[in-house]
Amino acid sequence: MGIFSGFEKLGLGNLGGEQLFEDPRKKQVQAKKEEPTRKLQLVNEEDFLFDKKYKCPVCESDFDAKTVRTGKVRMKNVDIDLRPDYDELDQNKYDVIACPSCGYAALSRYFTTLNKYQIDDIRIKICMNYKHEPCDDPTYSYDYAKRLYQLALANAVVKKAKNSEKAYICLKTAWVVRGETQRLDPEAEGYDAKKAENDAQEKELLKNALNGFIMARQTEEFPIAGMDSTTLDYLIAALAVETDEREVASKMISELLVSRTANSRIKDKARFLKEMMAEKYGEE
């Protein structure tokens, strides 16, 4: 399944040929790993949500979007690529804010950061073609959450967002796919096929995230997607391990281990990645 597949349902099939990442060296920039599968019962997920009010910076409509109550969910684990895993619900499902009136969507950290030219592009290429898909359920399904992330990615491409923003959307979409996979019922009919489909989709998204973050590291100023240089270097190393990019992984891990700025926690994580690679590839 291609990263742009499914845009047709949103009325945005014309974006299928767009290029995801732009190399600023060619064109000046404009102004788990996999855990054992488990079935998780989400009991009263809606109790951890509330409707937060937003004003769309594109069409100026007021709307509500489901938001996780701060401090109400407990993180039980962090995957090697920094994905947080929570007890009560999958918080990653709720990080895209989407205007139901015009189709503008973005990750919460980027929702209000638009300039006039980006707004004009979104109005022409998104708003004029957008088909709203309402969600009447008290919680988001994984299918619905993934469509919101697709919409956010479409907007990011249209507004020519920084490579780091597009990479972060790919990363968080991969996290949502992984969350869905973990909650599949191994006894259900079609489990093997669905898991294989999700695994392939997750790996494609992680590869896109890796490529985007590498470009961002070379051309953008820190903090990048809220990360300092050592955190981003670690994330790149982890994504490289997950996607079998051995050269990139080895290089980034080595740099982290001799870094004078990386703290002991990051270095411990880097050593763990090194051990994973040794086990995976039979290295010393």
C-alpha atoms as a PDB file:
ATOM      1  CA  MET A   1       0.000   0.000   0.000  1.00  0.00           C
ATOM      2  CA  GLY A   2       1.539   3.309  -1.100  1.00  0.00           C
ATOM      3  CA  ILE A   3       1.912   6.142   1.362  1.00  0.00           C
ATOM      4  CA  PHE A   4      -0.533   8.284  -0.652  1.00  0.00           C
ATOM      5  CA  SER A   5      -3.075   5.523  -1.256  1.00  0.00           C
ATOM      6  CA  GLY A   6      -6.493   6.357   0.158  1.00  0.00           C
ATOM      7  CA  PHE A   7      -6.421  10.072  -0.704  1.00  0.00           C
ATOM      8  CA  GLU A   8      -9.252   9.409  -3.176  1.00  0.00           C
ATOM      9  CA  LYS A   9     -11.706   8.863  -0.282  1.00  0.00           C
ATOM     10  CA  LEU A  10     -10.899  12.367   0.914  1.00  0.00           C
ATOM     11  CA  GLY A  11     -11.389  13.875  -2.537  1.00  0.00           C
ATOM     12  CA  LEU A  12      -7.627  14.412  -2.864  1.00  0.00           C
ATOM     13  CA  GLY A  13      -6.681  11.760  -5.421  1.00  0.00           C
ATOM     14  CA  ASN A  14      -4.963  14.472  -7.449  1.00  0.00           C
ATOM     15  CA  LEU A  15      -2.155  14.549  -4.876  1.00  0.00           C
ATOM     16  CA  GLY A  16      -1.051  10.981  -5.590  1.00  0.00           C
ATOM     17  CA  GLY A  17       1.813  12.118  -7.798  1.00  0.00           C
ATOM     18  CA  GLU A  18       3.260  14.623  -5.343  1.00  0.00           C
ATOM     19  CA  GLN A  19       6.809  14.170  -4.051  1.00  0.00           C
ATOM     20  CA  LEU A  20       6.933  13.655  -0.284  1.00  0.00           C
ATOM     21  CA  PHE A  21      10.319  15.131   0.594  1.00  0.00           C
ATOM     22  CA  GLU A  22      12.217  17.959  -1.094  1.00  0.00           C
ATOM     23  CA  ASP A  23      16.009  18.102  -1.035  1.00  0.00           C
ATOM     24  CA  PRO A  24      16.949  21.674  -0.075  1.00  0.00           C
ATOM     25  CA  ARG A  25      20.426  21.113  -1.585  1.00  0.00           C
ATOM     26  CA  LYS A  26      18.807  21.035  -5.017  1.00  0.00           C
ATOM     27  CA  LYS A  27      16.214  23.737  -4.315  1.00  0.00           C
ATOM     28  CA  GLN A  28      16.578  26.389  -1.646  1.00  0.00           C
ATOM     29  CA  VAL A  29      14.172  25.885   1.232  1.00  0.00           C
ATOM     30  CA  GLN A  30      11.367  28.448   1.102  1.00  0.00           C
ATOM     31  CA  ALA A  31      10.372  31.194   3.831  1.00  0.00           C
ATOM     32  CA  LYS A  32       9.675  -1.824  19.406  1.00  0.00           C
ATOM     33  CA  LYS A  33      10.878  -2.751  17.842  1.00  0.00           C
ATOM     34  CA  GLU A  34       8.104  -5.174  17.344  1.00  0.00           C
ATOM     35  CA  GLU A  35       6.638  -6.363  20.609  1.00  0.00           C
ATOM     36  CA  PRO A  36       4.791  -9.620  21.030  1.00  0.00           C
ATOM     37  CA  THR A  37       1.302  -9.128  19.703  1.00  0.00           C
ATOM     38  CA  ARG A  38      -1.216  -8.725  22.468  1.00  0.00           C
ATOM     39  CA  LYS A  39      -4.912  -8.093  22.636  1.00  0.00           C
ATOM     40  CA  LEU A  40      -5.727  -5.028  24.694  1.00  0.00           C
ATOM     41  CA  GLN A  41      -9.180  -4.242  25.966  1.00  0.00           C
ATOM     42  CA  LEU A  42      -9.788  -0.487  25.835  1.00  0.00           C
ATOM     43  CA  VAL A  43     -12.308   0.035  28.631  1.00  0.00           C
ATOM     44  CA  ASN A  44     -14.195   3.343  28.474  1.00  0.00           C
ATOM     45  CA  GLU A  45     -11.628   5.018  26.245  1.00  0.00           C
ATOM     46  CA  GLU A  46     -13.988   7.986  25.931  1.00  0.00           C
ATOM     47  CA  ASP A  47     -13.533   8.718  29.651  1.00  0.00           C
ATOM     48  CA  PHE A  48      -9.997   9.860  28.849  1.00  0.00           C
ATOM     49  CA  LEU A  49     -11.098  12.223  26.078  1.00  0.00           C
ATOM     50  CA  PHE A  50     -12.770  15.596  25.833  1.00  0.00           C
ATOM     51  CA  ASP A  51     -13.844  17.850  22.973  1.00  0.00           C
ATOM     52  CA  LYS A  52     -11.426  20.759  22.669  1.00  0.00           C
ATOM     53  CA  LYS A  53     -12.412  23.882  20.740  1.00  0.00           C
ATOM     54  CA  TYR A  54     -10.279  25.117  17.835  1.00  0.00           C
ATOM     55  CA  LYS A  55     -10.462  27.900  15.268  1.00  0.00           C
ATOM     56  CA  CYS A  56      -9.270  26.922  11.807  1.00  0.00           C
ATOM     57  CA  PRO A  57      -6.464  29.216  10.576  1.00  0.00           C
ATOM     58  CA  VAL A  58      -7.515  28.544   6.958  1.00  0.00           C
ATOM     59  CA  CYS A  59     -11.309  29.055   6.919  1.00  0.00           C
ATOM     60  CA  GLU A  60     -11.725  30.547  10.430  1.00  0.00           C
ATOM     61  CA  SER A  61     -14.456  28.058  11.334  1.00  0.00           C
ATOM     62  CA  ASP A  62     -14.869  27.029  14.978  1.00  0.00           C
ATOM     63  CA  PHE A  63     -14.941  23.292  15.632  1.00  0.00           C
ATOM     64  CA  ASP A  64     -14.316  20.629  18.280  1.00  0.00           C
ATOM     65  CA  ALA A  65     -11.733  17.851  18.120  1.00  0.00           C
ATOM     66  CA  LYS A  66     -11.241  14.933  20.460  1.00  0.00           C
ATOM     67  CA  THR A  67      -8.268  15.431  22.751  1.00  0.00           C
ATOM     68  CA  VAL A  68      -6.677  13.236  25.426  1.00  0.00           C
ATOM     69  CA  ARG A  69      -6.988  14.582  28.964  1.00  0.00           C
ATOM     70  CA  THR A  70      -3.547  15.624  30.155  1.00  0.00           C
ATOM     71  CA  GLY A  71      -2.228  13.524  33.006  1.00  0.00           C
ATOM     72  CA  LYS A  72      -5.021  10.957  32.792  1.00  0.00           C
ATOM     73  CA  VAL A  73      -3.147   8.246  30.881  1.00  0.00           C
ATOM     74  CA  ARG A  74      -0.163   6.280  32.130  1.00  0.00           C
ATOM     75  CA  MET A  75       2.787   5.449  29.907  1.00  0.00           C
ATOM     76  CA  LYS A  76       3.886   1.843  30.408  1.00  0.00           C
ATOM     77  CA  ASN A  77       6.580   1.515  27.767  1.00  0.00           C
ATOM     78  CA  VAL A  78       8.621   3.404  25.167  1.00  0.00           C
ATOM     79  CA  ASP A  79       9.584   1.627  21.944  1.00  0.00           C
ATOM     80  CA  ILE A  80      13.118   1.981  20.577  1.00  0.00           C
ATOM     81  CA  ASP A  81      11.928   4.650  18.114  1.00  0.00           C
ATOM     82  CA  LEU A  82      10.493   6.695  21.024  1.00  0.00           C
ATOM     83  CA  ARG A  83       6.861   5.674  20.502  1.00  0.00           C
ATOM     84  CA  PRO A  84       5.051   5.995  23.853  1.00  0.00           C
ATOM     85  CA  ASP A  85       2.728   3.115  24.740  1.00  0.00           C
ATOM     86  CA  TYR A  86      -0.070   3.848  27.189  1.00  0.00           C
ATOM     87  CA  ASP A  87      -2.227   1.678  29.415  1.00  0.00           C
ATOM     88  CA  GLU A  88      -5.659   3.169  28.893  1.00  0.00           C
ATOM     89  CA  LEU A  89      -5.696   4.081  25.197  1.00  0.00           C
ATOM     90  CA  ASP A  90      -3.524   4.726  22.165  1.00  0.00           C
ATOM     91  CA  GLN A  91      -2.884   8.446  22.567  1.00  0.00           C
ATOM     92  CA  ASN A  92      -1.252   8.661  19.138  1.00  0.00           C
ATOM     93  CA  LYS A  93      -4.673   8.269  17.487  1.00  0.00           C
ATOM     94  CA  TYR A  94      -5.652  11.745  18.660  1.00  0.00           C
ATOM     95  CA  ASP A  95      -2.718  13.935  17.654  1.00  0.00           C
ATOM     96  CA  VAL A  96      -4.092  15.194  14.321  1.00  0.00           C
ATOM     97  CA  ILE A  97      -6.337  18.254  14.413  1.00  0.00           C
ATOM     98  CA  ALA A  98      -8.591  18.429  11.340  1.00  0.00           C
ATOM     99  CA  CYS A  99     -11.091  21.122  10.386  1.00  0.00           C
ATOM    100  CA  PRO A 100     -14.315  19.431   9.274  1.00  0.00           C
ATOM    101  CA  SER A 101     -15.339  22.457   7.197  1.00  0.00           C
ATOM    102  CA  CYS A 102     -12.367  22.897   4.869  1.00  0.00           C
ATOM    103  CA  GLY A 103     -10.091  19.869   5.299  1.00  0.00           C
ATOM    104  CA  TYR A 104      -7.080  21.623   6.791  1.00  0.00           C
ATOM    105  CA  ALA A 105      -5.289  19.181   9.103  1.00  0.00           C
ATOM    106  CA  ALA A 106      -1.980  19.051  10.950  1.00  0.00           C
ATOM    107  CA  LEU A 107      -0.326  17.517  13.963  1.00  0.00           C
ATOM    108  CA  SER A 108      -1.270  19.488  17.051  1.00  0.00           C
ATOM    109  CA  ARG A 109       2.195  21.080  17.379  1.00  0.00           C
ATOM    110  CA  TYR A 110       1.969  22.525  13.860  1.00  0.00           C
ATOM    111  CA  PHE A 111      -1.732  23.361  13.589  1.00  0.00           C
ATOM    112  CA  THR A 112      -1.515  27.148  13.955  1.00  0.00           C
ATOM    113  CA  THR A 113       1.831  27.749  12.219  1.00  0.00           C
ATOM    114  CA  LEU A 114       0.745  28.801   8.735  1.00  0.00           C
ATOM    115  CA  ASN A 115       1.741  31.743   6.573  1.00  0.00           C
ATOM    116  CA  LYS A 116      -0.414  33.506   3.964  1.00  0.00           C
ATOM    117  CA  TYR A 117       1.051  31.582   1.029  1.00  0.00           C
ATOM    118  CA  GLN A 118       0.488  28.234   2.706  1.00  0.00           C
ATOM    119  CA  ILE A 119      -3.122  29.174   3.470  1.00  0.00           C
ATOM    120  CA  ASP A 120      -3.683  30.135  -0.173  1.00  0.00           C
ATOM    121  CA  ASP A 121      -2.245  26.818  -1.410  1.00  0.00           C
ATOM    122  CA  ILE A 122      -4.369  24.815   1.037  1.00  0.00           C
ATOM    123  CA  ARG A 123      -7.527  26.659   0.017  1.00  0.00           C
ATOM    124  CA  ILE A 124      -6.887  25.899  -3.656  1.00  0.00           C
ATOM    125  CA  LYS A 125      -5.562  22.326  -3.467  1.00  0.00           C
ATOM    126  CA  ILE A 126      -7.281  20.962  -0.342  1.00  0.00           C
ATOM    127  CA  CYS A 127     -10.401  22.932   0.535  1.00  0.00           C
ATOM    128  CA  MET A 128     -11.886  23.033  -2.959  1.00  0.00           C
ATOM    129  CA  ASN A 129     -11.702  19.220  -3.277  1.00  0.00           C
ATOM    130  CA  TYR A 130     -12.168  18.029   0.310  1.00  0.00           C
ATOM    131  CA  LYS A 131     -14.965  15.589   1.159  1.00  0.00           C
ATOM    132  CA  HIS A 132     -15.693  15.547   4.874  1.00  0.00           C
ATOM    133  CA  GLU A 133     -15.989  12.149   6.547  1.00  0.00           C
ATOM    134  CA  PRO A 134     -17.755  12.615   9.907  1.00  0.00           C
ATOM    135  CA  CYS A 135     -16.958  10.544  12.978  1.00  0.00           C
ATOM    136  CA  ASP A 136     -20.027  10.030  15.140  1.00  0.00           C
ATOM    137  CA  ASP A 137     -18.411   7.525  17.497  1.00  0.00           C
ATOM    138  CA  PRO A 138     -17.207   8.549  20.972  1.00  0.00           C
ATOM    139  CA  THR A 139     -13.661   7.379  20.108  1.00  0.00           C
ATOM    140  CA  TYR A 140     -11.542   7.190  16.958  1.00  0.00           C
ATOM    141  CA  SER A 141     -11.130   3.850  15.245  1.00  0.00           C
ATOM    142  CA  TYR A 142      -7.700   3.045  13.856  1.00  0.00           C
ATOM    143  CA  ASP A 143      -9.018   3.357  10.310  1.00  0.00           C
ATOM    144  CA  TYR A 144     -10.365   6.830  11.044  1.00  0.00           C
ATOM    145  CA  ALA A 145      -7.168   7.913  12.805  1.00  0.00           C
ATOM    146  CA  LYS A 146      -5.058   6.753   9.853  1.00  0.00           C
ATOM    147  CA  ARG A 147      -7.239   8.755   7.467  1.00  0.00           C
ATOM    148  CA  LEU A 148      -6.687  11.856   9.607  1.00  0.00           C
ATOM    149  CA  TYR A 149      -2.935  11.299   9.390  1.00  0.00           C
ATOM    150  CA  GLN A 150      -3.224  10.920   5.612  1.00  0.00           C
ATOM    151  CA  LEU A 151      -5.074  14.227   5.502  1.00  0.00           C
ATOM    152  CA  ALA A 152      -2.371  15.876   7.616  1.00  0.00           C
ATOM    153  CA  LEU A 153       0.282  14.523   5.252  1.00  0.00           C
ATOM    154  CA  ALA A 154      -1.628  15.823   2.220  1.00  0.00           C
ATOM    155  CA  ASN A 155      -1.768  19.280   3.806  1.00  0.00           C
ATOM    156  CA  ALA A 156       1.925  19.143   4.670  1.00  0.00           C
ATOM    157  CA  VAL A 157       2.813  18.352   1.056  1.00  0.00           C
ATOM    158  CA  VAL A 158       0.565  21.103  -0.303  1.00  0.00           C
ATOM    159  CA  LYS A 159       1.867  23.779   2.084  1.00  0.00           C
ATOM    160  CA  LYS A 160       5.478  22.697   1.396  1.00  0.00           C
ATOM    161  CA  ALA A 161       6.119  21.995   5.064  1.00  0.00           C
ATOM    162  CA  LYS A 162       9.602  21.388   6.354  1.00  0.00           C
ATOM    163  CA  ASN A 163      10.954  17.905   5.807  1.00  0.00           C
ATOM    164  CA  SER A 164      10.970  17.392   9.576  1.00  0.00           C
ATOM    165  CA  GLU A 165       7.216  17.984   9.804  1.00  0.00           C
ATOM    166  CA  LYS A 166       6.480  15.516   7.009  1.00  0.00           C
ATOM    167  CA  ALA A 167       8.887  12.995   8.537  1.00  0.00           C
ATOM    168  CA  TYR A 168       7.192  13.378  11.920  1.00  0.00           C
ATOM    169  CA  ILE A 169       3.783  12.731  10.369  1.00  0.00           C
ATOM    170  CA  CYS A 170       5.153   9.556   8.740  1.00  0.00           C
ATOM    171  CA  LEU A 171       6.661   8.452  12.044  1.00  0.00           C
ATOM    172  CA  LYS A 172       3.486   9.008  14.030  1.00  0.00           C
ATOM    173  CA  THR A 173       1.395   7.291  11.353  1.00  0.00           C
ATOM    174  CA  ALA A 174       3.701   4.285  11.688  1.00  0.00           C
ATOM    175  CA  TRP A 175       3.106   4.382  15.442  1.00  0.00           C
ATOM    176  CA  VAL A 176      -0.664   4.309  14.877  1.00  0.00           C
ATOM    177  CA  VAL A 177      -0.338   1.351  12.511  1.00  0.00           C
ATOM    178  CA  ARG A 178       1.797  -0.438  15.109  1.00  0.00           C
ATOM    179  CA  GLY A 179      -0.776   0.260  17.786  1.00  0.00           C
ATOM    180  CA  GLU A 180      -3.469  -1.274  15.617  1.00  0.00           C
ATOM    181  CA  THR A 181      -1.310  -4.333  14.976  1.00  0.00           C
ATOM    182  CA  GLN A 182      -0.735  -4.851  18.702  1.00  0.00           C
ATOM    183  CA  ARG A 183      -4.469  -4.813  19.295  1.00  0.00           C
ATOM    184  CA  LEU A 184      -5.403  -7.321  16.604  1.00  0.00           C
ATOM    185  CA  ASP A 185      -6.952 -10.553  17.810  1.00  0.00           C
ATOM    186  CA  PRO A 186      -4.662 -13.464  16.781  1.00  0.00           C
ATOM    187  CA  GLU A 187      -7.712 -15.748  16.790  1.00  0.00           C
ATOM    188  CA  ALA A 188      -9.716 -13.558  14.405  1.00  0.00           C
ATOM    189  CA  GLU A 189     -10.256 -14.555  10.800  1.00  0.00           C
ATOM    190  CA  GLY A 190      -7.796 -12.838   8.464  1.00  0.00           C
ATOM    191  CA  TYR A 191      -5.347 -12.006  11.259  1.00  0.00           C
ATOM    192  CA  ASP A 192      -2.228 -13.142   9.374  1.00  0.00           C
ATOM    193  CA  ALA A 193      -3.102 -11.169   6.247  1.00  0.00           C
ATOM    194  CA  LYS A 194      -3.952  -8.012   8.203  1.00  0.00           C
ATOM    195  CA  LYS A 195      -0.774  -8.233  10.278  1.00  0.00           C
ATOM    196  CA  ALA A 196       1.357  -8.702   7.159  1.00  0.00           C
ATOM    197  CA  GLU A 197      -0.325  -5.694   5.536  1.00  0.00           C
ATOM    198  CA  ASN A 198       0.217  -3.549   8.624  1.00  0.00           C
ATOM    199  CA  ASP A 199       3.838  -4.620   9.015  1.00  0.00           C
ATOM    200  CA  ALA A 200       4.594  -3.675   5.403  1.00  0.00           C
ATOM    201  CA  GLN A 201       2.802  -0.345   5.763  1.00  0.00           C
ATOM    202  CA  GLU A 202       4.598   0.447   9.011  1.00  0.00           C
ATOM    203  CA  LYS A 203       8.009  -0.282   7.492  1.00  0.00           C
ATOM    204  CA  GLU A 204       7.306   1.966   4.488  1.00  0.00           C
ATOM    205  CA  LEU A 205       6.279   4.784   6.810  1.00  0.00           C
ATOM    206  CA  LEU A 206       9.374   4.317   8.980  1.00  0.00           C
ATOM    207  CA  LYS A 207      11.599   4.452   5.889  1.00  0.00           C
ATOM    208  CA  ASN A 208       9.970   7.702   4.813  1.00  0.00           C
ATOM    209  CA  ALA A 209      10.404   9.097   8.321  1.00  0.00           C
ATOM    210  CA  LEU A 210      14.077   8.110   8.281  1.00  0.00           C
ATOM    211  CA  ASN A 211      14.716   9.785   4.927  1.00  0.00           C
ATOM    212  CA  GLY A 212      12.909  12.941   5.975  1.00  0.00           C
ATOM    213  CA  PHE A 213      14.737  13.265   9.287  1.00  0.00           C
ATOM    214  CA  ILE A 214      18.106  12.735   7.597  1.00  0.00           C
ATOM    215  CA  MET A 215      17.307  15.594   5.201  1.00  0.00           C
ATOM    216  CA  ALA A 216      16.082  17.752   8.070  1.00  0.00           C
ATOM    217  CA  ARG A 217      19.251  17.090  10.080  1.00  0.00           C
ATOM    218  CA  GLN A 218      21.353  18.368   7.187  1.00  0.00           C
ATOM    219  CA  THR A 219      19.381  21.535   6.496  1.00  0.00           C
ATOM    220  CA  GLU A 220      17.203  22.644   9.431  1.00  0.00           C
ATOM    221  CA  GLU A 221      18.063  24.383  12.677  1.00  0.00           C
ATOM    222  CA  PHE A 222      17.479  22.723  16.040  1.00  0.00           C
ATOM    223  CA  PRO A 223      15.206  21.994  17.745  1.00  0.00           C
ATOM    224  CA  ILE A 224      13.808  19.797  14.967  1.00  0.00           C
ATOM    225  CA  ALA A 225      10.281  18.483  15.617  1.00  0.00           C
ATOM    226  CA  GLY A 226      10.882  19.390  19.245  1.00  0.00           C
ATOM    227  CA  MET A 227      14.106  17.350  19.443  1.00  0.00           C
ATOM    228  CA  ASP A 228      17.650  18.419  20.219  1.00  0.00           C
ATOM    229  CA  SER A 229      20.539  17.098  18.124  1.00  0.00           C
ATOM    230  CA  THR A 230      21.343  14.029  20.217  1.00  0.00           C
ATOM    231  CA  THR A 231      17.705  12.948  20.471  1.00  0.00           C
ATOM    232  CA  LEU A 232      17.278  13.261  16.712  1.00  0.00           C
ATOM    233  CA  ASP A 233      20.524  11.374  16.076  1.00  0.00           C
ATOM    234  CA  TYR A 234      19.305   8.587  18.320  1.00  0.00           C
ATOM    235  CA  LEU A 235      15.924   8.491  16.555  1.00  0.00           C
ATOM    236  CA  ILE A 236      17.638   8.290  13.155  1.00  0.00           C
ATOM    237  CA  ALA A 237      19.775   5.415  14.452  1.00  0.00           C
ATOM    238  CA  ALA A 238      16.699   3.596  15.790  1.00  0.00           C
ATOM    239  CA  LEU A 239      14.762   4.056  12.542  1.00  0.00           C
ATOM    240  CA  ALA A 240      17.777   2.798  10.597  1.00  0.00           C
ATOM    241  CA  VAL A 241      17.880  -0.341  12.753  1.00  0.00           C
ATOM    242  CA  GLU A 242      14.157  -0.905  12.251  1.00  0.00           C
ATOM    243  CA  THR A 243      14.387  -0.512   8.470  1.00  0.00           C
ATOM    244  CA  ASP A 244      17.615  -2.493   7.993  1.00  0.00           C
ATOM    245  CA  GLU A 245      19.737   0.498   6.978  1.00  0.00           C
ATOM    246  CA  ARG A 246      22.881  -0.954   8.541  1.00  0.00           C
ATOM    247  CA  GLU A 247      25.358   1.686   7.384  1.00  0.00           C
ATOM    248  CA  VAL A 248      23.274   4.572   8.662  1.00  0.00           C
ATOM    249  CA  ALA A 249      22.575   2.770  11.933  1.00  0.00           C
ATOM    250  CA  SER A 250      26.233   1.924  12.560  1.00  0.00           C
ATOM    251  CA  LYS A 251      27.376   5.459  11.774  1.00  0.00           C
ATOM    252  CA  MET A 252      24.826   7.154  14.012  1.00  0.00           C
ATOM    253  CA  ILE A 253      25.330   4.721  16.889  1.00  0.00           C
ATOM    254  CA  SER A 254      29.107   5.189  16.747  1.00  0.00           C
ATOM    255  CA  GLU A 255      28.750   8.978  16.763  1.00  0.00           C
ATOM    256  CA  LEU A 256      26.421   8.858  19.756  1.00  0.00           C
ATOM    257  CA  LEU A 257      28.723   6.607  21.773  1.00  0.00           C
ATOM    258  CA  VAL A 258      31.689   9.006  21.412  1.00  0.00           C
ATOM    259  CA  SER A 259      29.621  12.198  21.624  1.00  0.00           C
ATOM    260  CA  ARG A 260      30.543  14.727  24.305  1.00  0.00           C
ATOM    261  CA  THR A 261      27.042  16.172  24.352  1.00  0.00           C
ATOM    262  CA  ALA A 262      24.958  12.973  24.492  1.00  0.00           C
ATOM    263  CA  ASN A 263      23.858  12.170  28.033  1.00  0.00           C
ATOM    264  CA  SER A 264      24.185   8.768  29.672  1.00  0.00           C
ATOM    265  CA  ARG A 265      20.547   7.876  28.979  1.00  0.00           C
ATOM    266  CA  ILE A 266      20.956   8.404  25.224  1.00  0.00           C
ATOM    267  CA  LYS A 267      24.246   6.503  25.234  1.00  0.00           C
ATOM    268  CA  ASP A 268      22.615   3.578  27.031  1.00  0.00           C
ATOM    269  CA  LYS A 269      19.895   3.549  24.385  1.00  0.00           C
ATOM    270  CA  ALA A 270      22.555   3.630  21.661  1.00  0.00           C
ATOM    271  CA  ARG A 271      24.334   0.655  23.252  1.00  0.00           C
ATOM    272  CA  PHE A 272      21.057  -1.239  23.259  1.00  0.00           C
ATOM    273  CA  LEU A 273      20.665  -0.537  19.533  1.00  0.00           C
ATOM    274  CA  LYS A 274      24.200  -1.796  18.991  1.00  0.00           C
ATOM    275  CA  GLU A 275      23.355  -5.005  20.839  1.00  0.00           C
ATOM    276  CA  MET A 276      20.218  -5.401  18.729  1.00  0.00           C
ATOM    277  CA  MET A 277      22.258  -5.097  15.546  1.00  0.00           C
ATOM    278  CA  ALA A 278      24.823  -7.583  16.803  1.00  0.00           C
ATOM    279  CA  GLU A 279      22.083 -10.095  17.529  1.00  0.00           C
ATOM    280  CA  LYS A 280      20.278  -9.399  14.274  1.00  0.00           C
ATOM    281  CA  TYR A 281      23.275  -9.597  11.978  1.00  0.00           C
ATOM    282  CA  GLY A 282      25.599 -11.843  13.971  1.00  0.00           C
ATOM    283  CA  GLU A 283      28.142  -9.060  14.500  1.00  0.00           C
ATOM    284  CA  GLU A 284      30.727  -8.951  17.231  1.00  0.00           C
END
